[in-house]
Amino acid sequence: MTVIADSIIDWGALLQVIYISAIAGIAIAAVLGTGIVASLRAQDSDGATALALNGVMVVSVILVGIAIVTGIYFLTDK
């Protein structure tokens, strides 16, 4: 059975997909978490601090949106 699986499965490509997906998932979760924390802290702040924290939240949402669009592009391109 191993010989058949080796001829069907490209193990190198499969491992590449696994580690790229893991890295991307962790990165996207970290960016989104940063945006959520910034948004929550902005609610407790005032003035320039709140404005800066809301800016961090907006940038985080934009980055996650770009990641989603890029992922969909690569899924439909292949």
PDB file of N, CA and C in Angstrom:
ATOM      1  N   MET A   1       0.806  -1.198   0.000  1.00  0.00           N
ATOM      2  CA  MET A   1       0.000   0.000   0.000  1.00  0.00           C
ATOM      3  C   MET A   1       0.850   1.263   0.000  1.00  0.00           C
ATOM      4  N   THR A   2       1.968   1.246   0.665  1.00  0.00           N
ATOM      5  CA  THR A   2       2.812   2.426   0.728  1.00  0.00           C
ATOM      6  C   THR A   2       3.312   2.826  -0.653  1.00  0.00           C
ATOM      7  N   VAL A   3       3.629   1.852  -1.474  1.00  0.00           N
ATOM      8  CA  VAL A   3       4.118   2.144  -2.815  1.00  0.00           C
ATOM      9  C   VAL A   3       3.037   2.820  -3.635  1.00  0.00           C
ATOM     10  N   ILE A   4       1.791   2.396  -3.494  1.00  0.00           N
ATOM     11  CA  ILE A   4       0.687   3.019  -4.219  1.00  0.00           C
ATOM     12  C   ILE A   4       0.473   4.448  -3.724  1.00  0.00           C
ATOM     13  N   ALA A   5       0.507   4.657  -2.418  1.00  0.00           N
ATOM     14  CA  ALA A   5       0.311   5.993  -1.862  1.00  0.00           C
ATOM     15  C   ALA A   5       1.428   6.929  -2.292  1.00  0.00           C
ATOM     16  N   ASP A   6       2.651   6.439  -2.359  1.00  0.00           N
ATOM     17  CA  ASP A   6       3.763   7.283  -2.774  1.00  0.00           C
ATOM     18  C   ASP A   6       3.628   7.707  -4.233  1.00  0.00           C
ATOM     19  N   SER A   7       3.043   6.879  -5.063  1.00  0.00           N
ATOM     20  CA  SER A   7       2.881   7.248  -6.461  1.00  0.00           C
ATOM     21  C   SER A   7       1.721   8.211  -6.671  1.00  0.00           C
ATOM     22  N   ILE A   8       0.777   8.224  -5.735  1.00  0.00           N
ATOM     23  CA  ILE A   8      -0.390   9.091  -5.870  1.00  0.00           C
ATOM     24  C   ILE A   8      -0.186  10.422  -5.164  1.00  0.00           C
ATOM     25  N   ILE A   9       0.435  10.412  -4.003  1.00  0.00           N
ATOM     26  CA  ILE A   9       0.546  11.598  -3.154  1.00  0.00           C
ATOM     27  C   ILE A   9       1.925  12.218  -3.296  1.00  0.00           C
ATOM     28  N   ASP A  10       1.949  13.514  -3.531  1.00  0.00           N
ATOM     29  CA  ASP A  10       3.192  14.273  -3.515  1.00  0.00           C
ATOM     30  C   ASP A  10       3.393  14.773  -2.083  1.00  0.00           C
ATOM     31  N   TRP A  11       4.174  14.027  -1.309  1.00  0.00           N
ATOM     32  CA  TRP A  11       4.327  14.308   0.118  1.00  0.00           C
ATOM     33  C   TRP A  11       4.963  15.668   0.373  1.00  0.00           C
ATOM     34  N   GLY A  12       5.888  16.081  -0.470  1.00  0.00           N
ATOM     35  CA  GLY A  12       6.524  17.386  -0.296  1.00  0.00           C
ATOM     36  C   GLY A  12       5.522  18.520  -0.449  1.00  0.00           C
ATOM     37  N   ALA A  13       4.670  18.432  -1.469  1.00  0.00           N
ATOM     38  CA  ALA A  13       3.657  19.463  -1.685  1.00  0.00           C
ATOM     39  C   ALA A  13       2.628  19.459  -0.557  1.00  0.00           C
ATOM     40  N   LEU A  14       2.280  18.269  -0.081  1.00  0.00           N
ATOM     41  CA  LEU A  14       1.319  18.170   1.021  1.00  0.00           C
ATOM     42  C   LEU A  14       1.870  18.801   2.293  1.00  0.00           C
ATOM     43  N   LEU A  15       3.117  18.537   2.622  1.00  0.00           N
ATOM     44  CA  LEU A  15       3.729  19.148   3.806  1.00  0.00           C
ATOM     45  C   LEU A  15       3.847  20.657   3.649  1.00  0.00           C
ATOM     46  N   GLN A  16       4.128  21.116   2.435  1.00  0.00           N
ATOM     47  CA  GLN A  16       4.211  22.557   2.182  1.00  0.00           C
ATOM     48  C   GLN A  16       2.857  23.218   2.424  1.00  0.00           C
ATOM     49  N   VAL A  17       1.792  22.613   1.959  1.00  0.00           N
ATOM     50  CA  VAL A  17       0.448  23.146   2.195  1.00  0.00           C
ATOM     51  C   VAL A  17       0.133  23.178   3.683  1.00  0.00           C
ATOM     52  N   ILE A  18       0.533  22.141   4.407  1.00  0.00           N
ATOM     53  CA  ILE A  18       0.240  22.067   5.834  1.00  0.00           C
ATOM     54  C   ILE A  18       0.958  23.183   6.600  1.00  0.00           C
ATOM     55  N   TYR A  19       2.262  23.357   6.352  1.00  0.00           N
ATOM     56  CA  TYR A  19       2.960  24.372   7.160  1.00  0.00           C
ATOM     57  C   TYR A  19       2.620  25.788   6.712  1.00  0.00           C
ATOM     58  N   ILE A  20       2.350  26.010   5.434  1.00  0.00           N
ATOM     59  CA  ILE A  20       1.937  27.352   5.004  1.00  0.00           C
ATOM     60  C   ILE A  20       0.571  27.688   5.590  1.00  0.00           C
ATOM     61  N   SER A  21      -0.342  26.727   5.611  1.00  0.00           N
ATOM     62  CA  SER A  21      -1.669  26.950   6.192  1.00  0.00           C
ATOM     63  C   SER A  21      -1.576  27.238   7.683  1.00  0.00           C
ATOM     64  N   ALA A  22      -0.715  26.510   8.380  1.00  0.00           N
ATOM     65  CA  ALA A  22      -0.555  26.729   9.816  1.00  0.00           C
ATOM     66  C   ALA A  22       0.014  28.119  10.099  1.00  0.00           C
ATOM     67  N   ILE A  23       1.032  28.502   9.349  1.00  0.00           N
ATOM     68  CA  ILE A  23       1.637  29.828   9.541  1.00  0.00           C
ATOM     69  C   ILE A  23       0.637  30.931   9.223  1.00  0.00           C
ATOM     70  N   ALA A  24      -0.087  30.778   8.107  1.00  0.00           N
ATOM     71  CA  ALA A  24      -1.068  31.795   7.727  1.00  0.00           C
ATOM     72  C   ALA A  24      -2.193  31.877   8.751  1.00  0.00           C
ATOM     73  N   GLY A  25      -2.642  30.742   9.243  1.00  0.00           N
ATOM     74  CA  GLY A  25      -3.710  30.745  10.238  1.00  0.00           C
ATOM     75  C   GLY A  25      -3.303  31.427  11.527  1.00  0.00           C
ATOM     76  N   ILE A  26      -2.104  31.145  11.980  1.00  0.00           N
ATOM     77  CA  ILE A  26      -1.613  31.779  13.205  1.00  0.00           C
ATOM     78  C   ILE A  26      -1.426  33.280  12.996  1.00  0.00           C
ATOM     79  N   ALA A  27      -0.885  33.665  11.851  1.00  0.00           N
ATOM     80  CA  ALA A  27      -0.662  35.092  11.567  1.00  0.00           C
ATOM     81  C   ALA A  27      -1.986  35.854  11.477  1.00  0.00           C
ATOM     82  N   ILE A  28      -2.956  35.287  10.787  1.00  0.00           N
ATOM     83  CA  ILE A  28      -4.254  35.950  10.653  1.00  0.00           C
ATOM     84  C   ILE A  28      -4.937  36.066  12.006  1.00  0.00           C
ATOM     85  N   ALA A  29      -4.869  35.011  12.816  1.00  0.00           N
ATOM     86  CA  ALA A  29      -5.465  35.059  14.152  1.00  0.00           C
ATOM     87  C   ALA A  29      -4.787  36.110  15.022  1.00  0.00           C
ATOM     88  N   ALA A  30      -3.466  36.230  14.912  1.00  0.00           N
ATOM     89  CA  ALA A  30      -2.741  37.230  15.706  1.00  0.00           C
ATOM     90  C   ALA A  30      -3.112  38.655  15.289  1.00  0.00           C
ATOM     91  N   VAL A  31      -3.208  38.882  13.990  1.00  0.00           N
ATOM     92  CA  VAL A  31      -3.571  40.221  13.495  1.00  0.00           C
ATOM     93  C   VAL A  31      -4.993  40.566  13.911  1.00  0.00           C
ATOM     94  N   LEU A  32      -5.911  39.612  13.757  1.00  0.00           N
ATOM     95  CA  LEU A  32      -7.294  39.864  14.152  1.00  0.00           C
ATOM     96  C   LEU A  32      -7.402  40.065  15.659  1.00  0.00           C
ATOM     97  N   GLY A  33      -6.668  39.292  16.441  1.00  0.00           N
ATOM     98  CA  GLY A  33      -6.660  39.469  17.886  1.00  0.00           C
ATOM     99  C   GLY A  33      -6.137  40.835  18.300  1.00  0.00           C
ATOM    100  N   THR A  34      -5.098  41.294  17.602  1.00  0.00           N
ATOM    101  CA  THR A  34      -4.564  42.632  17.873  1.00  0.00           C
ATOM    102  C   THR A  34      -5.611  43.700  17.599  1.00  0.00           C
ATOM    103  N   GLY A  35      -6.344  43.537  16.515  1.00  0.00           N
ATOM    104  CA  GLY A  35      -7.409  44.486  16.192  1.00  0.00           C
ATOM    105  C   GLY A  35      -8.517  44.487  17.229  1.00  0.00           C
ATOM    106  N   ILE A  36      -8.886  43.325  17.709  1.00  0.00           N
ATOM    107  CA  ILE A  36      -9.941  43.232  18.718  1.00  0.00           C
ATOM    108  C   ILE A  36      -9.491  43.869  20.030  1.00  0.00           C
ATOM    109  N   VAL A  37      -8.263  43.571  20.439  1.00  0.00           N
ATOM    110  CA  VAL A  37      -7.742  44.166  21.680  1.00  0.00           C
ATOM    111  C   VAL A  37      -7.657  45.686  21.546  1.00  0.00           C
ATOM    112  N   ALA A  38      -7.205  46.169  20.396  1.00  0.00           N
ATOM    113  CA  ALA A  38      -7.113  47.612  20.177  1.00  0.00           C
ATOM    114  C   ALA A  38      -8.493  48.258  20.229  1.00  0.00           C
ATOM    115  N   SER A  39      -9.479  47.605  19.650  1.00  0.00           N
ATOM    116  CA  SER A  39     -10.841  48.143  19.669  1.00  0.00           C
ATOM    117  C   SER A  39     -11.392  48.202  21.090  1.00  0.00           C
ATOM    118  N   LEU A  40     -11.152  47.162  21.855  1.00  0.00           N
ATOM    119  CA  LEU A  40     -11.644  47.152  23.234  1.00  0.00           C
ATOM    120  C   LEU A  40     -10.938  48.199  24.092  1.00  0.00           C
ATOM    121  N   ARG A  41      -9.649  48.358  23.880  1.00  0.00           N
ATOM    122  CA  ARG A  41      -8.920  49.374  24.660  1.00  0.00           C
ATOM    123  C   ARG A  41      -9.302  50.784  24.237  1.00  0.00           C
ATOM    124  N   ALA A  42      -9.668  50.965  22.972  1.00  0.00           N
ATOM    125  CA  ALA A  42     -10.082  52.284  22.493  1.00  0.00           C
ATOM    126  C   ALA A  42     -11.374  52.727  23.168  1.00  0.00           C
ATOM    127  N   GLN A  43     -12.220  51.786  23.526  1.00  0.00           N
ATOM    128  CA  GLN A  43     -13.473  52.127  24.204  1.00  0.00           C
ATOM    129  C   GLN A  43     -13.212  52.703  25.586  1.00  0.00           C
ATOM    130  N   ASP A  44     -12.109  52.305  26.205  1.00  0.00           N
ATOM    131  CA  ASP A  44     -11.780  52.796  27.550  1.00  0.00           C
ATOM    132  C   ASP A  44     -10.889  54.030  27.516  1.00  0.00           C
ATOM    133  N   SER A  45     -10.379  54.378  26.329  1.00  0.00           N
ATOM    134  CA  SER A  45      -9.456  55.508  26.212  1.00  0.00           C
ATOM    135  C   SER A  45     -10.187  56.728  25.670  1.00  0.00           C
ATOM    136  N   ASP A  46      -9.448  57.842  25.677  1.00  0.00           N
ATOM    137  CA  ASP A  46     -10.010  59.057  25.097  1.00  0.00           C
ATOM    138  C   ASP A  46      -8.924  59.812  24.343  1.00  0.00           C
ATOM    139  N   GLY A  47      -9.336  60.695  23.483  1.00  0.00           N
ATOM    140  CA  GLY A  47      -8.406  61.556  22.756  1.00  0.00           C
ATOM    141  C   GLY A  47      -7.579  60.826  21.725  1.00  0.00           C
ATOM    142  N   ALA A  48      -6.300  61.205  21.682  1.00  0.00           N
ATOM    143  CA  ALA A  48      -5.383  60.681  20.670  1.00  0.00           C
ATOM    144  C   ALA A  48      -5.140  59.184  20.835  1.00  0.00           C
ATOM    145  N   THR A  49      -5.169  58.713  22.066  1.00  0.00           N
ATOM    146  CA  THR A  49      -4.954  57.286  22.303  1.00  0.00           C
ATOM    147  C   THR A  49      -6.067  56.461  21.664  1.00  0.00           C
ATOM    148  N   ALA A  50      -7.300  56.905  21.841  1.00  0.00           N
ATOM    149  CA  ALA A  50      -8.437  56.191  21.252  1.00  0.00           C
ATOM    150  C   ALA A  50      -8.360  56.228  19.734  1.00  0.00           C
ATOM    151  N   LEU A  51      -7.955  57.361  19.183  1.00  0.00           N
ATOM    152  CA  LEU A  51      -7.831  57.490  17.734  1.00  0.00           C
ATOM    153  C   LEU A  51      -6.756  56.542  17.196  1.00  0.00           C
ATOM    154  N   ALA A  52      -5.629  56.467  17.886  1.00  0.00           N
ATOM    155  CA  ALA A  52      -4.547  55.577  17.456  1.00  0.00           C
ATOM    156  C   ALA A  52      -4.977  54.107  17.553  1.00  0.00           C
ATOM    157  N   LEU A  53      -5.659  53.751  18.625  1.00  0.00           N
ATOM    158  CA  LEU A  53      -6.112  52.369  18.786  1.00  0.00           C
ATOM    159  C   LEU A  53      -7.162  51.998  17.742  1.00  0.00           C
ATOM    160  N   ASN A  54      -8.036  52.937  17.403  1.00  0.00           N
ATOM    161  CA  ASN A  54      -9.005  52.684  16.345  1.00  0.00           C
ATOM    162  C   ASN A  54      -8.303  52.547  14.995  1.00  0.00           C
ATOM    163  N   GLY A  55      -7.224  53.277  14.805  1.00  0.00           N
ATOM    164  CA  GLY A  55      -6.429  53.131  13.579  1.00  0.00           C
ATOM    165  C   GLY A  55      -5.806  51.748  13.492  1.00  0.00           C
ATOM    166  N   VAL A  56      -5.312  51.245  14.617  1.00  0.00           N
ATOM    167  CA  VAL A  56      -4.752  49.888  14.642  1.00  0.00           C
ATOM    168  C   VAL A  56      -5.836  48.878  14.292  1.00  0.00           C
ATOM    169  N   MET A  57      -7.030  49.077  14.801  1.00  0.00           N
ATOM    170  CA  MET A  57      -8.140  48.170  14.507  1.00  0.00           C
ATOM    171  C   MET A  57      -8.491  48.197  13.027  1.00  0.00           C
ATOM    172  N   VAL A  58      -8.531  49.361  12.425  1.00  0.00           N
ATOM    173  CA  VAL A  58      -8.851  49.480  11.001  1.00  0.00           C
ATOM    174  C   VAL A  58      -7.778  48.789  10.153  1.00  0.00           C
ATOM    175  N   VAL A  59      -6.523  49.016  10.487  1.00  0.00           N
ATOM    176  CA  VAL A  59      -5.432  48.363   9.746  1.00  0.00           C
ATOM    177  C   VAL A  59      -5.520  46.848   9.890  1.00  0.00           C
ATOM    178  N   SER A  60      -5.859  46.365  11.076  1.00  0.00           N
ATOM    179  CA  SER A  60      -5.996  44.921  11.294  1.00  0.00           C
ATOM    180  C   SER A  60      -7.114  44.339  10.435  1.00  0.00           C
ATOM    181  N   VAL A  61      -8.237  45.022  10.379  1.00  0.00           N
ATOM    182  CA  VAL A  61      -9.365  44.544   9.569  1.00  0.00           C
ATOM    183  C   VAL A  61      -8.990  44.542   8.095  1.00  0.00           C
ATOM    184  N   ILE A  62      -8.288  45.560   7.637  1.00  0.00           N
ATOM    185  CA  ILE A  62      -7.854  45.624   6.240  1.00  0.00           C
ATOM    186  C   ILE A  62      -6.890  44.480   5.927  1.00  0.00           C
ATOM    187  N   LEU A  63      -5.943  44.218   6.815  1.00  0.00           N
ATOM    188  CA  LEU A  63      -4.990  43.131   6.589  1.00  0.00           C
ATOM    189  C   LEU A  63      -5.673  41.767   6.543  1.00  0.00           C
ATOM    190  N   VAL A  64      -6.638  41.550   7.421  1.00  0.00           N
ATOM    191  CA  VAL A  64      -7.368  40.281   7.408  1.00  0.00           C
ATOM    192  C   VAL A  64      -8.195  40.176   6.124  1.00  0.00           C
ATOM    193  N   GLY A  65      -8.792  41.273   5.699  1.00  0.00           N
ATOM    194  CA  GLY A  65      -9.538  41.278   4.443  1.00  0.00           C
ATOM    195  C   GLY A  65      -8.652  40.953   3.257  1.00  0.00           C
ATOM    196  N   ILE A  66      -7.457  41.529   3.230  1.00  0.00           N
ATOM    197  CA  ILE A  66      -6.496  41.231   2.161  1.00  0.00           C
ATOM    198  C   ILE A  66      -6.105  39.758   2.190  1.00  0.00           C
ATOM    199  N   ALA A  67      -5.911  39.212   3.377  1.00  0.00           N
ATOM    200  CA  ALA A  67      -5.556  37.793   3.501  1.00  0.00           C
ATOM    201  C   ALA A  67      -6.676  36.905   2.972  1.00  0.00           C
ATOM    202  N   ILE A  68      -7.916  37.268   3.263  1.00  0.00           N
ATOM    203  CA  ILE A  68      -9.058  36.483   2.784  1.00  0.00           C
ATOM    204  C   ILE A  68      -9.155  36.542   1.267  1.00  0.00           C
ATOM    205  N   VAL A  69      -9.030  37.733   0.708  1.00  0.00           N
ATOM    206  CA  VAL A  69      -9.100  37.886  -0.748  1.00  0.00           C
ATOM    207  C   VAL A  69      -7.953  37.135  -1.421  1.00  0.00           C
ATOM    208  N   THR A  70      -6.766  37.217  -0.861  1.00  0.00           N
ATOM    209  CA  THR A  70      -5.617  36.499  -1.418  1.00  0.00           C
ATOM    210  C   THR A  70      -5.842  34.989  -1.360  1.00  0.00           C
ATOM    211  N   GLY A  71      -6.374  34.506  -0.259  1.00  0.00           N
ATOM    212  CA  GLY A  71      -6.669  33.075  -0.144  1.00  0.00           C
ATOM    213  C   GLY A  71      -7.694  32.616  -1.162  1.00  0.00           C
ATOM    214  N   ILE A  72      -8.739  33.388  -1.350  1.00  0.00           N
ATOM    215  CA  ILE A  72      -9.755  33.034  -2.340  1.00  0.00           C
ATOM    216  C   ILE A  72      -9.167  33.070  -3.748  1.00  0.00           C
ATOM    217  N   TYR A  73      -8.315  34.050  -4.008  1.00  0.00           N
ATOM    218  CA  TYR A  73      -7.657  34.123  -5.324  1.00  0.00           C
ATOM    219  C   TYR A  73      -6.834  32.873  -5.593  1.00  0.00           C
ATOM    220  N   PHE A  74      -6.017  32.459  -4.629  1.00  0.00           N
ATOM    221  CA  PHE A  74      -5.181  31.282  -4.828  1.00  0.00           C
ATOM    222  C   PHE A  74      -5.999  29.994  -4.930  1.00  0.00           C
ATOM    223  N   LEU A  75      -7.128  29.935  -4.216  1.00  0.00           N
ATOM    224  CA  LEU A  75      -8.001  28.763  -4.321  1.00  0.00           C
ATOM    225  C   LEU A  75      -8.627  28.652  -5.707  1.00  0.00           C
ATOM    226  N   THR A  76      -9.045  29.782  -6.261  1.00  0.00           N
ATOM    227  CA  THR A  76      -9.707  29.743  -7.567  1.00  0.00           C
ATOM    228  C   THR A  76      -8.721  29.734  -8.717  1.00  0.00           C
ATOM    229  N   ASP A  77      -7.478  30.135  -8.481  1.00  0.00           N
ATOM    230  CA  ASP A  77      -6.464  30.179  -9.535  1.00  0.00           C
ATOM    231  C   ASP A  77      -5.918  28.803  -9.869  1.00  0.00           C
ATOM    232  N   LYS A  78      -5.875  27.908  -8.930  1.00  0.00           N
ATOM    233  CA  LYS A  78      -5.261  26.592  -9.133  1.00  0.00           C
ATOM    234  C   LYS A  78      -6.175  25.644  -9.833  1.00  0.00           C
TER     235      LYS A  78
END
